[in-house]
Every structure is written in structure tokens, then in C-alpha cells.
Amino acid sequence: MFVDYFRMPTNILDYTQCLAKPCIEERLSSLEEAIGRDIGFPNFVPYIQKHEFEALLFSSNHGFEKYYEEKVYKQTKEIIALYPNPEDINTHPLKAPSKRIERIIEGYQKVFEGGMIALEIGIEKMMERCPRFNRWVNVLIEKASQ
């Protein structure tokens, strides 16, 4: 399961206790554990993206460079340079990863264009730049290898 923290349901087991954790990393891990306990299947591996899926798109400028004009990929390159870990992009609701992309790319279609950009970047680059995402994918790989 992959879900964005931003739009996550609130009717999760122990939701209030999980949100009481002192930092976002602990909250996310606690929520993932609660969801895992609630589902109760050993091959179910919940993952909550720290802010939004679109943060992963800032792992590399390659996808933006392939599909958009220079005006766009110069701006995305500037954002990428500011964040060694793309998972940290979200300093304000208006600066969430998707909102940044929507301001840069007029008429941006999240599902279609986001998917195309992600395919160009590749999961390996996302894993390299995004430690939480990397841990989750490695757990999936480990479970699939058993």
C-alpha cells in the first residue's frame, strides 16, 4: 500500500496516538505499523509517503527535461538543487510538491504526466534520493524474494 500522508484517511487504528508522536518520521512509522497490525497479513507492507507522491518526481530532472521545454525544467532543476532529499519538499501547503509542479506546468495532469515523469526517472533514482521510499521498496523486494 502506498498512500500520501497529505490525503491519508483518519479512521486508522490508533490514529490519535500515532499523531501524538514528536516528529513526522515517528508519526509515519507508527501509522504504518498500526495499519499493518489492522490488516494483519504478513505480505501487506504499508507505506505512507511523507508528503506527496510528486516529491519522488524531484529525484531527478530527467523526466522534466524529456517532456517539457527549457523554461519548465530550469525551474524544476532549481527545486531539485534545494533539496538533497526530495521527501523533504513541503514547507507550506502552497509549496507542496504537486503545487510547485502545477505552478510551473500549466494544465499539469497529475496522474498521466506524473506517471510519465516517474517512468523516465526510474525507481532506482527515486530509491537513491529518497530514503523512506528506498526502505519500503527494499522491504517489498525482500518479501518477494522469500
N, C-alpha and C. Protein backbone atom coordinates (compact mmCIF):
# COMPACT_ATOMS: atom_id res chain seq x y z
N MET A 1 0.84 -1.17 0.00
CA MET A 1 0.00 0.00 0.00
C MET A 1 0.89 1.24 0.00
N PHE A 2 0.59 2.15 -0.87
CA PHE A 2 1.29 3.44 -0.95
C PHE A 2 0.22 4.52 -0.86
N VAL A 3 0.32 5.38 0.12
CA VAL A 3 -0.64 6.47 0.28
C VAL A 3 0.13 7.73 0.67
N ASP A 4 -0.35 8.87 0.21
CA ASP A 4 0.24 10.15 0.59
C ASP A 4 -0.23 10.52 2.00
N TYR A 5 0.67 11.02 2.82
CA TYR A 5 0.32 11.48 4.16
C TYR A 5 -0.71 12.60 4.08
N PHE A 6 -0.58 13.43 3.07
CA PHE A 6 -1.46 14.59 2.90
C PHE A 6 -2.93 14.21 2.80
N ARG A 7 -3.25 13.15 2.13
CA ARG A 7 -4.65 12.75 1.92
C ARG A 7 -5.01 11.45 2.64
N MET A 8 -4.26 11.12 3.65
CA MET A 8 -4.46 9.86 4.32
C MET A 8 -5.77 9.83 5.12
N PRO A 9 -6.47 8.70 5.13
CA PRO A 9 -7.69 8.58 5.93
C PRO A 9 -7.39 8.75 7.42
N THR A 10 -8.37 9.20 8.15
CA THR A 10 -8.18 9.43 9.59
C THR A 10 -8.80 8.34 10.45
N ASN A 11 -9.45 7.37 9.84
CA ASN A 11 -10.11 6.31 10.62
C ASN A 11 -9.20 5.09 10.79
N ILE A 12 -7.94 5.35 10.96
CA ILE A 12 -6.93 4.30 11.11
C ILE A 12 -6.82 3.92 12.59
N LEU A 13 -6.59 2.66 12.84
CA LEU A 13 -6.35 2.15 14.19
C LEU A 13 -5.29 3.00 14.89
N ASP A 14 -5.57 3.45 16.10
CA ASP A 14 -4.63 4.23 16.92
C ASP A 14 -4.19 5.54 16.27
N TYR A 15 -5.01 6.09 15.40
CA TYR A 15 -4.67 7.32 14.66
C TYR A 15 -4.22 8.45 15.58
N THR A 16 -5.01 8.74 16.61
CA THR A 16 -4.70 9.85 17.51
C THR A 16 -3.38 9.64 18.23
N GLN A 17 -3.13 8.41 18.71
CA GLN A 17 -1.88 8.11 19.41
C GLN A 17 -0.68 8.25 18.45
N CYS A 18 -0.87 7.83 17.23
CA CYS A 18 0.22 7.92 16.23
C CYS A 18 0.57 9.38 15.95
N LEU A 19 -0.45 10.22 15.84
CA LEU A 19 -0.19 11.64 15.56
C LEU A 19 0.43 12.36 16.74
N ALA A 20 0.36 11.78 17.93
CA ALA A 20 0.95 12.41 19.11
C ALA A 20 2.47 12.25 19.16
N LYS A 21 3.02 11.45 18.28
CA LYS A 21 4.48 11.26 18.25
C LYS A 21 5.16 12.60 17.96
N PRO A 22 6.38 12.80 18.51
CA PRO A 22 7.01 14.12 18.43
C PRO A 22 7.50 14.57 17.04
N CYS A 23 7.82 13.65 16.16
CA CYS A 23 8.31 14.09 14.84
C CYS A 23 7.59 13.32 13.74
N ILE A 24 7.60 13.87 12.56
CA ILE A 24 6.85 13.28 11.44
C ILE A 24 7.33 11.87 11.11
N GLU A 25 8.63 11.62 11.20
CA GLU A 25 9.13 10.27 10.89
C GLU A 25 8.54 9.24 11.85
N GLU A 26 8.47 9.58 13.13
CA GLU A 26 7.88 8.67 14.11
C GLU A 26 6.39 8.50 13.88
N ARG A 27 5.70 9.60 13.52
CA ARG A 27 4.27 9.51 13.23
C ARG A 27 4.00 8.59 12.06
N LEU A 28 4.78 8.76 11.00
CA LEU A 28 4.59 7.93 9.81
C LEU A 28 4.85 6.46 10.12
N SER A 29 5.94 6.18 10.79
CA SER A 29 6.27 4.79 11.14
C SER A 29 5.19 4.19 12.03
N SER A 30 4.70 4.97 12.98
CA SER A 30 3.67 4.50 13.89
C SER A 30 2.36 4.23 13.14
N LEU A 31 2.01 5.10 12.22
CA LEU A 31 0.80 4.89 11.41
C LEU A 31 0.94 3.66 10.53
N GLU A 32 2.11 3.49 9.92
CA GLU A 32 2.35 2.31 9.08
C GLU A 32 2.22 1.03 9.90
N GLU A 33 2.79 1.03 11.10
CA GLU A 33 2.70 -0.15 11.97
C GLU A 33 1.25 -0.43 12.35
N ALA A 34 0.50 0.64 12.66
CA ALA A 34 -0.92 0.47 13.04
C ALA A 34 -1.73 -0.10 11.87
N ILE A 35 -1.49 0.40 10.69
CA ILE A 35 -2.20 -0.11 9.51
C ILE A 35 -1.83 -1.58 9.29
N GLY A 36 -0.55 -1.89 9.42
CA GLY A 36 -0.10 -3.28 9.25
C GLY A 36 -0.75 -4.21 10.26
N ARG A 37 -0.83 -3.78 11.52
CA ARG A 37 -1.49 -4.60 12.55
C ARG A 37 -2.97 -4.78 12.24
N ASP A 38 -3.60 -3.71 11.79
CA ASP A 38 -5.03 -3.75 11.50
C ASP A 38 -5.34 -4.70 10.34
N ILE A 39 -4.54 -4.66 9.29
CA ILE A 39 -4.75 -5.54 8.13
C ILE A 39 -4.37 -6.97 8.49
N GLY A 40 -3.22 -7.14 9.14
CA GLY A 40 -2.83 -8.43 9.68
C GLY A 40 -2.36 -9.49 8.69
N PHE A 41 -1.96 -9.10 7.50
CA PHE A 41 -1.41 -10.06 6.53
C PHE A 41 0.10 -9.86 6.44
N PRO A 42 0.88 -10.93 6.51
CA PRO A 42 2.34 -10.79 6.51
C PRO A 42 2.91 -10.19 5.22
N ASN A 43 2.21 -10.35 4.11
CA ASN A 43 2.73 -9.80 2.86
C ASN A 43 2.20 -8.39 2.56
N PHE A 44 1.46 -7.81 3.48
CA PHE A 44 0.96 -6.44 3.33
C PHE A 44 1.99 -5.50 3.95
N VAL A 45 2.50 -4.56 3.14
CA VAL A 45 3.54 -3.64 3.61
C VAL A 45 3.06 -2.21 3.38
N PRO A 46 2.49 -1.58 4.39
CA PRO A 46 2.01 -0.21 4.21
C PRO A 46 3.16 0.78 4.11
N TYR A 47 2.94 1.80 3.30
CA TYR A 47 3.91 2.88 3.15
C TYR A 47 3.16 4.20 3.03
N ILE A 48 3.57 5.15 3.84
CA ILE A 48 2.98 6.48 3.78
C ILE A 48 4.06 7.43 3.26
N GLN A 49 3.82 8.00 2.09
CA GLN A 49 4.75 8.97 1.51
C GLN A 49 4.71 10.22 2.36
N LYS A 50 5.85 10.66 2.81
CA LYS A 50 5.96 11.74 3.78
C LYS A 50 5.08 12.94 3.44
N HIS A 51 5.06 13.36 2.23
CA HIS A 51 4.15 14.45 1.86
C HIS A 51 3.26 14.02 0.70
N GLU A 52 3.84 13.92 -0.46
CA GLU A 52 3.06 13.54 -1.64
C GLU A 52 3.91 12.71 -2.59
N PHE A 53 3.23 11.94 -3.43
CA PHE A 53 3.90 11.16 -4.47
C PHE A 53 4.81 12.05 -5.31
N GLU A 54 4.35 13.25 -5.62
CA GLU A 54 5.10 14.14 -6.51
C GLU A 54 6.49 14.49 -5.98
N ALA A 55 6.73 14.33 -4.70
CA ALA A 55 8.09 14.56 -4.17
C ALA A 55 9.08 13.64 -4.86
N LEU A 56 8.65 12.42 -5.16
CA LEU A 56 9.54 11.47 -5.84
C LEU A 56 9.96 11.97 -7.22
N LEU A 57 9.13 12.79 -7.84
CA LEU A 57 9.44 13.31 -9.17
C LEU A 57 10.62 14.28 -9.14
N PHE A 58 10.94 14.78 -7.97
CA PHE A 58 12.07 15.69 -7.82
C PHE A 58 13.36 14.93 -7.49
N SER A 59 13.36 13.63 -7.73
CA SER A 59 14.57 12.82 -7.54
C SER A 59 15.57 13.08 -8.65
N SER A 60 15.07 13.51 -9.79
CA SER A 60 15.92 13.77 -10.95
C SER A 60 15.18 14.73 -11.86
N ASN A 61 15.90 15.49 -12.61
CA ASN A 61 15.27 16.40 -13.55
C ASN A 61 15.03 15.73 -14.91
N HIS A 62 15.48 14.50 -15.04
CA HIS A 62 15.43 13.79 -16.32
C HIS A 62 14.02 13.75 -16.94
N GLY A 63 13.01 13.44 -16.15
CA GLY A 63 11.65 13.36 -16.67
C GLY A 63 11.13 14.71 -17.13
N PHE A 64 11.45 15.75 -16.37
CA PHE A 64 11.02 17.09 -16.77
C PHE A 64 11.74 17.53 -18.05
N GLU A 65 13.02 17.19 -18.15
CA GLU A 65 13.79 17.55 -19.34
C GLU A 65 13.27 16.82 -20.58
N LYS A 66 12.81 15.61 -20.41
CA LYS A 66 12.33 14.83 -21.57
C LYS A 66 11.02 15.38 -22.12
N TYR A 67 10.10 15.78 -21.24
CA TYR A 67 8.76 16.11 -21.67
C TYR A 67 8.42 17.60 -21.75
N TYR A 68 9.26 18.46 -21.21
CA TYR A 68 8.88 19.87 -21.15
C TYR A 68 9.98 20.76 -21.72
N GLU A 69 9.57 21.99 -21.99
CA GLU A 69 10.51 22.96 -22.54
C GLU A 69 11.46 23.47 -21.46
N GLU A 70 12.50 24.13 -21.92
CA GLU A 70 13.57 24.59 -21.04
C GLU A 70 13.06 25.46 -19.89
N LYS A 71 12.07 26.29 -20.16
CA LYS A 71 11.51 27.16 -19.11
C LYS A 71 11.04 26.33 -17.91
N VAL A 72 10.45 25.19 -18.18
CA VAL A 72 9.95 24.31 -17.12
C VAL A 72 11.10 23.62 -16.41
N TYR A 73 11.95 22.93 -17.15
CA TYR A 73 12.97 22.12 -16.48
C TYR A 73 14.07 22.95 -15.82
N LYS A 74 14.19 24.22 -16.15
CA LYS A 74 15.11 25.08 -15.39
C LYS A 74 14.55 25.33 -13.99
N GLN A 75 13.24 25.50 -13.92
CA GLN A 75 12.60 25.74 -12.62
C GLN A 75 12.61 24.48 -11.75
N THR A 76 12.34 23.34 -12.35
CA THR A 76 12.35 22.11 -11.57
C THR A 76 13.77 21.79 -11.11
N LYS A 77 14.76 22.11 -11.93
CA LYS A 77 16.16 21.89 -11.56
C LYS A 77 16.52 22.71 -10.33
N GLU A 78 16.01 23.94 -10.24
CA GLU A 78 16.27 24.80 -9.08
C GLU A 78 15.69 24.18 -7.80
N ILE A 79 14.50 23.62 -7.90
CA ILE A 79 13.87 22.97 -6.73
C ILE A 79 14.68 21.75 -6.32
N ILE A 80 15.07 20.95 -7.29
CA ILE A 80 15.86 19.75 -7.00
C ILE A 80 17.16 20.12 -6.29
N ALA A 81 17.79 21.19 -6.71
CA ALA A 81 19.06 21.62 -6.10
C ALA A 81 18.88 22.04 -4.64
N LEU A 82 17.71 22.49 -4.28
CA LEU A 82 17.45 22.94 -2.91
C LEU A 82 17.24 21.80 -1.91
N TYR A 83 16.92 20.60 -2.41
CA TYR A 83 16.53 19.50 -1.53
C TYR A 83 17.33 18.24 -1.83
N PRO A 84 18.36 17.96 -1.03
CA PRO A 84 19.10 16.71 -1.19
C PRO A 84 18.19 15.49 -1.05
N ASN A 85 17.16 15.62 -0.20
CA ASN A 85 16.16 14.56 -0.04
C ASN A 85 14.82 15.11 -0.53
N PRO A 86 14.36 14.69 -1.70
CA PRO A 86 13.10 15.19 -2.23
C PRO A 86 11.90 14.96 -1.30
N GLU A 87 12.01 13.98 -0.42
CA GLU A 87 10.91 13.70 0.52
C GLU A 87 10.69 14.85 1.49
N ASP A 88 11.64 15.76 1.60
CA ASP A 88 11.51 16.91 2.50
C ASP A 88 10.81 18.11 1.87
N ILE A 89 10.48 18.03 0.59
CA ILE A 89 9.84 19.16 -0.09
C ILE A 89 8.41 19.29 0.39
N ASN A 90 8.15 20.34 1.14
CA ASN A 90 6.79 20.67 1.57
C ASN A 90 6.87 21.62 2.75
N THR A 91 7.31 22.82 2.51
CA THR A 91 7.50 23.79 3.59
C THR A 91 6.25 24.59 3.90
N HIS A 92 5.19 24.39 3.12
CA HIS A 92 3.95 25.16 3.29
C HIS A 92 2.92 24.52 2.36
N PRO A 93 1.63 24.55 2.70
CA PRO A 93 0.64 23.92 1.82
C PRO A 93 0.72 24.38 0.36
N LEU A 94 1.08 25.62 0.14
CA LEU A 94 1.20 26.11 -1.23
C LEU A 94 2.52 25.72 -1.88
N LYS A 95 3.41 25.14 -1.08
CA LYS A 95 4.71 24.72 -1.61
C LYS A 95 4.87 23.20 -1.60
N ALA A 96 3.75 22.51 -1.51
CA ALA A 96 3.78 21.05 -1.61
C ALA A 96 4.30 20.68 -2.99
N PRO A 97 4.88 19.51 -3.14
CA PRO A 97 5.45 19.13 -4.44
C PRO A 97 4.47 19.28 -5.61
N SER A 98 3.24 18.83 -5.45
CA SER A 98 2.28 18.93 -6.55
C SER A 98 1.94 20.39 -6.86
N LYS A 99 1.85 21.21 -5.83
CA LYS A 99 1.54 22.63 -6.05
C LYS A 99 2.68 23.33 -6.79
N ARG A 100 3.91 22.96 -6.47
CA ARG A 100 5.06 23.53 -7.17
C ARG A 100 5.00 23.17 -8.66
N ILE A 101 4.72 21.90 -8.93
CA ILE A 101 4.65 21.46 -10.33
C ILE A 101 3.50 22.15 -11.05
N GLU A 102 2.35 22.25 -10.40
CA GLU A 102 1.19 22.89 -11.03
C GLU A 102 1.45 24.36 -11.35
N ARG A 103 2.26 25.04 -10.54
CA ARG A 103 2.60 26.43 -10.83
C ARG A 103 3.57 26.54 -12.01
N ILE A 104 4.39 25.53 -12.18
CA ILE A 104 5.40 25.56 -13.25
C ILE A 104 4.82 25.08 -14.58
N ILE A 105 3.97 24.05 -14.53
CA ILE A 105 3.43 23.42 -15.74
C ILE A 105 1.94 23.72 -15.83
N GLU A 106 1.57 24.60 -16.71
CA GLU A 106 0.17 24.96 -16.89
C GLU A 106 -0.63 23.73 -17.36
N GLY A 107 -1.73 23.48 -16.68
CA GLY A 107 -2.60 22.36 -17.05
C GLY A 107 -2.04 20.99 -16.68
N TYR A 108 -1.09 20.95 -15.77
CA TYR A 108 -0.46 19.70 -15.35
C TYR A 108 -1.51 18.67 -14.95
N GLN A 109 -1.43 17.48 -15.53
CA GLN A 109 -2.33 16.37 -15.21
C GLN A 109 -1.58 15.37 -14.34
N LYS A 110 -1.85 15.41 -13.04
CA LYS A 110 -1.08 14.65 -12.06
C LYS A 110 -0.93 13.17 -12.40
N VAL A 111 -2.01 12.51 -12.69
CA VAL A 111 -1.95 11.06 -12.87
C VAL A 111 -1.16 10.70 -14.13
N PHE A 112 -1.52 11.28 -15.25
CA PHE A 112 -0.86 10.93 -16.50
C PHE A 112 0.57 11.46 -16.56
N GLU A 113 0.73 12.76 -16.40
CA GLU A 113 2.07 13.35 -16.53
C GLU A 113 3.00 12.92 -15.40
N GLY A 114 2.46 12.83 -14.19
CA GLY A 114 3.28 12.37 -13.07
C GLY A 114 3.81 10.96 -13.32
N GLY A 115 2.96 10.11 -13.86
CA GLY A 115 3.38 8.74 -14.19
C GLY A 115 4.45 8.71 -15.26
N MET A 116 4.30 9.54 -16.27
CA MET A 116 5.28 9.59 -17.37
C MET A 116 6.64 10.10 -16.85
N ILE A 117 6.60 11.13 -16.03
CA ILE A 117 7.84 11.67 -15.45
C ILE A 117 8.51 10.60 -14.60
N ALA A 118 7.72 9.92 -13.77
CA ALA A 118 8.26 8.86 -12.90
C ALA A 118 8.91 7.76 -13.71
N LEU A 119 8.29 7.36 -14.81
CA LEU A 119 8.88 6.31 -15.66
C LEU A 119 10.23 6.74 -16.21
N GLU A 120 10.36 7.99 -16.58
CA GLU A 120 11.63 8.49 -17.11
C GLU A 120 12.71 8.53 -16.03
N ILE A 121 12.33 8.92 -14.84
CA ILE A 121 13.29 9.00 -13.73
C ILE A 121 13.76 7.60 -13.35
N GLY A 122 12.82 6.69 -13.21
CA GLY A 122 13.13 5.33 -12.82
C GLY A 122 13.15 5.14 -11.31
N ILE A 123 12.74 3.97 -10.90
CA ILE A 123 12.64 3.67 -9.47
C ILE A 123 14.01 3.68 -8.79
N GLU A 124 15.06 3.29 -9.52
CA GLU A 124 16.40 3.26 -8.92
C GLU A 124 16.82 4.65 -8.46
N LYS A 125 16.60 5.67 -9.28
CA LYS A 125 16.97 7.04 -8.91
C LYS A 125 16.12 7.53 -7.75
N MET A 126 14.84 7.18 -7.76
CA MET A 126 13.97 7.57 -6.64
C MET A 126 14.46 6.93 -5.34
N MET A 127 14.83 5.66 -5.42
CA MET A 127 15.33 4.98 -4.23
C MET A 127 16.65 5.60 -3.76
N GLU A 128 17.49 5.98 -4.68
CA GLU A 128 18.78 6.59 -4.35
C GLU A 128 18.60 7.91 -3.60
N ARG A 129 17.63 8.70 -3.99
CA ARG A 129 17.45 10.04 -3.43
C ARG A 129 16.46 10.11 -2.27
N CYS A 130 15.61 9.10 -2.12
CA CYS A 130 14.51 9.15 -1.14
C CYS A 130 14.62 7.99 -0.15
N PRO A 131 15.22 8.21 1.02
CA PRO A 131 15.49 7.13 1.96
C PRO A 131 14.27 6.37 2.48
N ARG A 132 13.18 7.08 2.79
CA ARG A 132 11.98 6.36 3.28
C ARG A 132 11.43 5.46 2.19
N PHE A 133 11.31 5.99 0.99
CA PHE A 133 10.83 5.21 -0.15
C PHE A 133 11.75 4.02 -0.40
N ASN A 134 13.04 4.24 -0.31
CA ASN A 134 14.03 3.19 -0.51
C ASN A 134 13.83 2.04 0.49
N ARG A 135 13.62 2.38 1.75
CA ARG A 135 13.41 1.33 2.76
C ARG A 135 12.18 0.50 2.43
N TRP A 136 11.10 1.16 2.03
CA TRP A 136 9.87 0.44 1.71
C TRP A 136 10.07 -0.49 0.51
N VAL A 137 10.67 0.02 -0.54
CA VAL A 137 10.89 -0.81 -1.73
C VAL A 137 11.77 -2.01 -1.38
N ASN A 138 12.78 -1.80 -0.55
CA ASN A 138 13.65 -2.92 -0.16
C ASN A 138 12.90 -3.96 0.67
N VAL A 139 11.96 -3.53 1.49
CA VAL A 139 11.13 -4.49 2.23
C VAL A 139 10.28 -5.29 1.24
N LEU A 140 9.72 -4.62 0.24
CA LEU A 140 8.94 -5.33 -0.78
C LEU A 140 9.79 -6.35 -1.52
N ILE A 141 11.01 -5.96 -1.88
CA ILE A 141 11.92 -6.86 -2.58
C ILE A 141 12.26 -8.06 -1.72
N GLU A 142 12.53 -7.78 -0.44
CA GLU A 142 12.86 -8.87 0.50
C GLU A 142 11.69 -9.85 0.63
N LYS A 143 10.49 -9.33 0.79
CA LYS A 143 9.31 -10.20 0.94
C LYS A 143 9.06 -10.98 -0.35
N ALA A 144 9.29 -10.37 -1.49
CA ALA A 144 9.07 -11.06 -2.77
C ALA A 144 10.11 -12.15 -2.99
N SER A 145 11.26 -12.02 -2.34
CA SER A 145 12.34 -12.99 -2.50
C SER A 145 12.18 -14.21 -1.60
N GLN A 146 11.29 -14.14 -0.65
CA GLN A 146 11.12 -15.23 0.32
C GLN A 146 10.37 -16.40 -0.26
